[in-house]
Amino acid sequence: MNLENINIQFGNILRKTREARGLTQEKFASLCDISRAYYGRIERGEHSVTLDLCKKISDVLGISLAELFSDLP
């Protein structure tokens, strides 16, 4: 699997998880302490996220890092 595809798949999983919790991109980005524009690029698979940001995201979602990646192939 190439890096672009995994970024897109991660972004799609993240979008579904965020929406399931009833959070807007703006609210979720704010909770993660990043800009809404940057978060939007993550959801579209345009950016790879660092482990530090993955930890923030998993904390905001209330899940472990392992759970954050569990749906990736």
N, C-alpha and C. Protein backbone atom coordinates (compact mmCIF):
# COMPACT_ATOMS: atom_id res chain seq x y z
N MET A 1 0.86 -1.18 0.00
CA MET A 1 0.00 0.00 0.00
C MET A 1 0.90 1.23 0.00
N ASN A 2 0.61 2.17 -0.88
CA ASN A 2 1.45 3.37 -0.89
C ASN A 2 0.98 4.37 0.16
N LEU A 3 1.88 5.31 0.46
CA LEU A 3 1.63 6.26 1.54
C LEU A 3 0.38 7.09 1.29
N GLU A 4 0.16 7.50 0.05
CA GLU A 4 -1.03 8.32 -0.25
C GLU A 4 -2.31 7.58 0.11
N ASN A 5 -2.39 6.30 -0.26
CA ASN A 5 -3.60 5.54 0.03
C ASN A 5 -3.84 5.39 1.53
N ILE A 6 -2.79 5.17 2.28
CA ILE A 6 -2.97 5.00 3.73
C ILE A 6 -3.39 6.32 4.37
N ASN A 7 -2.89 7.44 3.87
CA ASN A 7 -3.31 8.74 4.39
C ASN A 7 -4.78 8.98 4.10
N ILE A 8 -5.22 8.62 2.92
CA ILE A 8 -6.63 8.78 2.55
C ILE A 8 -7.50 7.86 3.41
N GLN A 9 -7.08 6.62 3.58
CA GLN A 9 -7.85 5.69 4.40
C GLN A 9 -7.92 6.16 5.85
N PHE A 10 -6.80 6.64 6.39
CA PHE A 10 -6.79 7.15 7.75
C PHE A 10 -7.72 8.35 7.87
N GLY A 11 -7.67 9.25 6.89
CA GLY A 11 -8.55 10.42 6.91
C GLY A 11 -10.02 10.04 6.88
N ASN A 12 -10.36 9.05 6.08
CA ASN A 12 -11.75 8.59 6.01
C ASN A 12 -12.21 7.99 7.33
N ILE A 13 -11.35 7.20 7.96
CA ILE A 13 -11.68 6.62 9.26
C ILE A 13 -11.85 7.71 10.29
N LEU A 14 -10.96 8.68 10.27
CA LEU A 14 -11.02 9.79 11.21
C LEU A 14 -12.31 10.59 11.02
N ARG A 15 -12.68 10.84 9.78
CA ARG A 15 -13.92 11.58 9.49
C ARG A 15 -15.13 10.84 10.05
N LYS A 16 -15.21 9.53 9.78
CA LYS A 16 -16.35 8.75 10.26
C LYS A 16 -16.42 8.75 11.78
N THR A 17 -15.27 8.63 12.43
CA THR A 17 -15.22 8.62 13.88
C THR A 17 -15.64 9.96 14.46
N ARG A 18 -15.13 11.04 13.86
CA ARG A 18 -15.50 12.39 14.32
C ARG A 18 -16.99 12.63 14.15
N GLU A 19 -17.51 12.30 12.98
CA GLU A 19 -18.94 12.52 12.72
C GLU A 19 -19.81 11.67 13.64
N ALA A 20 -19.37 10.45 13.96
CA ALA A 20 -20.13 9.59 14.85
C ALA A 20 -20.25 10.20 16.25
N ARG A 21 -19.30 11.04 16.59
CA ARG A 21 -19.33 11.71 17.89
C ARG A 21 -20.02 13.08 17.81
N GLY A 22 -20.53 13.41 16.63
CA GLY A 22 -21.28 14.65 16.47
C GLY A 22 -20.43 15.91 16.50
N LEU A 23 -19.15 15.77 16.16
CA LEU A 23 -18.25 16.92 16.18
C LEU A 23 -18.03 17.49 14.79
N THR A 24 -18.03 18.80 14.69
CA THR A 24 -17.68 19.45 13.43
C THR A 24 -16.16 19.41 13.28
N GLN A 25 -15.69 19.63 12.06
CA GLN A 25 -14.25 19.73 11.84
C GLN A 25 -13.67 20.84 12.71
N GLU A 26 -14.35 21.96 12.76
CA GLU A 26 -13.86 23.10 13.52
C GLU A 26 -13.73 22.77 15.01
N LYS A 27 -14.74 22.16 15.58
CA LYS A 27 -14.71 21.81 17.00
C LYS A 27 -13.63 20.76 17.28
N PHE A 28 -13.56 19.76 16.43
CA PHE A 28 -12.58 18.69 16.63
C PHE A 28 -11.16 19.23 16.51
N ALA A 29 -10.92 20.05 15.51
CA ALA A 29 -9.60 20.66 15.34
C ALA A 29 -9.23 21.49 16.55
N SER A 30 -10.18 22.24 17.06
CA SER A 30 -9.94 23.06 18.24
C SER A 30 -9.56 22.19 19.44
N LEU A 31 -10.26 21.09 19.63
CA LEU A 31 -9.96 20.18 20.72
C LEU A 31 -8.57 19.56 20.58
N CYS A 32 -8.12 19.38 19.33
CA CYS A 32 -6.79 18.82 19.05
C CYS A 32 -5.71 19.90 19.00
N ASP A 33 -6.13 21.16 19.16
CA ASP A 33 -5.20 22.30 19.15
C ASP A 33 -4.48 22.47 17.81
N ILE A 34 -5.25 22.29 16.72
CA ILE A 34 -4.73 22.53 15.37
C ILE A 34 -5.77 23.35 14.62
N SER A 35 -5.38 23.91 13.48
CA SER A 35 -6.34 24.71 12.70
C SER A 35 -7.34 23.81 11.99
N ARG A 36 -8.51 24.33 11.73
CA ARG A 36 -9.52 23.58 10.99
C ARG A 36 -9.04 23.25 9.59
N ALA A 37 -8.32 24.18 8.97
CA ALA A 37 -7.81 23.95 7.61
C ALA A 37 -6.83 22.78 7.58
N TYR A 38 -5.93 22.75 8.56
CA TYR A 38 -4.97 21.64 8.63
C TYR A 38 -5.69 20.33 8.88
N TYR A 39 -6.66 20.35 9.79
CA TYR A 39 -7.41 19.13 10.07
C TYR A 39 -8.14 18.65 8.81
N GLY A 40 -8.71 19.57 8.06
CA GLY A 40 -9.39 19.20 6.82
C GLY A 40 -8.45 18.50 5.85
N ARG A 41 -7.21 18.96 5.78
CA ARG A 41 -6.22 18.33 4.90
C ARG A 41 -5.88 16.92 5.40
N ILE A 42 -5.89 16.72 6.70
CA ILE A 42 -5.66 15.38 7.24
C ILE A 42 -6.80 14.46 6.83
N GLU A 43 -8.03 14.91 6.98
CA GLU A 43 -9.18 14.08 6.61
C GLU A 43 -9.18 13.75 5.12
N ARG A 44 -8.69 14.64 4.30
CA ARG A 44 -8.64 14.39 2.86
C ARG A 44 -7.42 13.57 2.45
N GLY A 45 -6.57 13.25 3.40
CA GLY A 45 -5.39 12.44 3.11
C GLY A 45 -4.25 13.21 2.49
N GLU A 46 -4.28 14.53 2.63
CA GLU A 46 -3.25 15.37 2.02
C GLU A 46 -2.03 15.52 2.92
N HIS A 47 -2.13 15.13 4.18
CA HIS A 47 -1.02 15.24 5.13
C HIS A 47 -0.88 13.95 5.92
N SER A 48 0.37 13.60 6.20
CA SER A 48 0.66 12.53 7.15
C SER A 48 0.73 13.18 8.53
N VAL A 49 0.19 12.53 9.50
CA VAL A 49 0.21 13.10 10.85
C VAL A 49 1.35 12.50 11.65
N THR A 50 1.86 13.28 12.58
CA THR A 50 2.92 12.80 13.46
C THR A 50 2.32 11.93 14.56
N LEU A 51 3.16 11.19 15.22
CA LEU A 51 2.69 10.39 16.35
C LEU A 51 2.17 11.27 17.47
N ASP A 52 2.81 12.43 17.66
CA ASP A 52 2.33 13.36 18.69
C ASP A 52 0.89 13.78 18.41
N LEU A 53 0.60 14.11 17.15
CA LEU A 53 -0.76 14.51 16.80
C LEU A 53 -1.72 13.32 16.88
N CYS A 54 -1.26 12.14 16.50
CA CYS A 54 -2.10 10.95 16.63
C CYS A 54 -2.49 10.74 18.09
N LYS A 55 -1.56 10.98 18.99
CA LYS A 55 -1.85 10.83 20.42
C LYS A 55 -2.90 11.85 20.86
N LYS A 56 -2.76 13.11 20.40
CA LYS A 56 -3.77 14.12 20.72
C LYS A 56 -5.14 13.70 20.20
N ILE A 57 -5.17 13.22 18.96
CA ILE A 57 -6.43 12.80 18.34
C ILE A 57 -7.06 11.66 19.14
N SER A 58 -6.24 10.66 19.47
CA SER A 58 -6.80 9.52 20.22
C SER A 58 -7.29 9.96 21.60
N ASP A 59 -6.57 10.89 22.24
CA ASP A 59 -7.02 11.40 23.54
C ASP A 59 -8.36 12.11 23.42
N VAL A 60 -8.50 12.95 22.40
CA VAL A 60 -9.76 13.68 22.19
C VAL A 60 -10.90 12.71 21.92
N LEU A 61 -10.62 11.65 21.17
CA LEU A 61 -11.64 10.66 20.86
C LEU A 61 -11.90 9.70 22.01
N GLY A 62 -11.00 9.70 23.00
CA GLY A 62 -11.15 8.80 24.13
C GLY A 62 -10.85 7.35 23.80
N ILE A 63 -9.91 7.15 22.87
CA ILE A 63 -9.51 5.80 22.47
C ILE A 63 -7.99 5.68 22.55
N SER A 64 -7.50 4.47 22.49
CA SER A 64 -6.06 4.25 22.51
C SER A 64 -5.48 4.49 21.11
N LEU A 65 -4.16 4.66 21.06
CA LEU A 65 -3.51 4.78 19.76
C LEU A 65 -3.78 3.54 18.91
N ALA A 66 -3.73 2.38 19.52
CA ALA A 66 -3.98 1.15 18.78
C ALA A 66 -5.38 1.16 18.15
N GLU A 67 -6.36 1.62 18.89
CA GLU A 67 -7.73 1.71 18.36
C GLU A 67 -7.83 2.70 17.21
N LEU A 68 -7.04 3.77 17.28
CA LEU A 68 -7.06 4.77 16.22
C LEU A 68 -6.66 4.16 14.88
N PHE A 69 -5.76 3.18 14.93
CA PHE A 69 -5.28 2.55 13.70
C PHE A 69 -5.89 1.19 13.41
N SER A 70 -6.79 0.74 14.25
CA SER A 70 -7.29 -0.64 14.15
C SER A 70 -8.04 -0.95 12.87
N ASP A 71 -8.63 0.04 12.23
CA ASP A 71 -9.40 -0.22 11.00
C ASP A 71 -8.56 -0.10 9.73
N LEU A 72 -7.28 0.25 9.88
CA LEU A 72 -6.41 0.33 8.70
C LEU A 72 -6.00 -1.08 8.30
N PRO A 73 -5.90 -1.31 7.00
CA PRO A 73 -5.47 -2.66 6.55
C PRO A 73 -4.04 -2.96 6.92
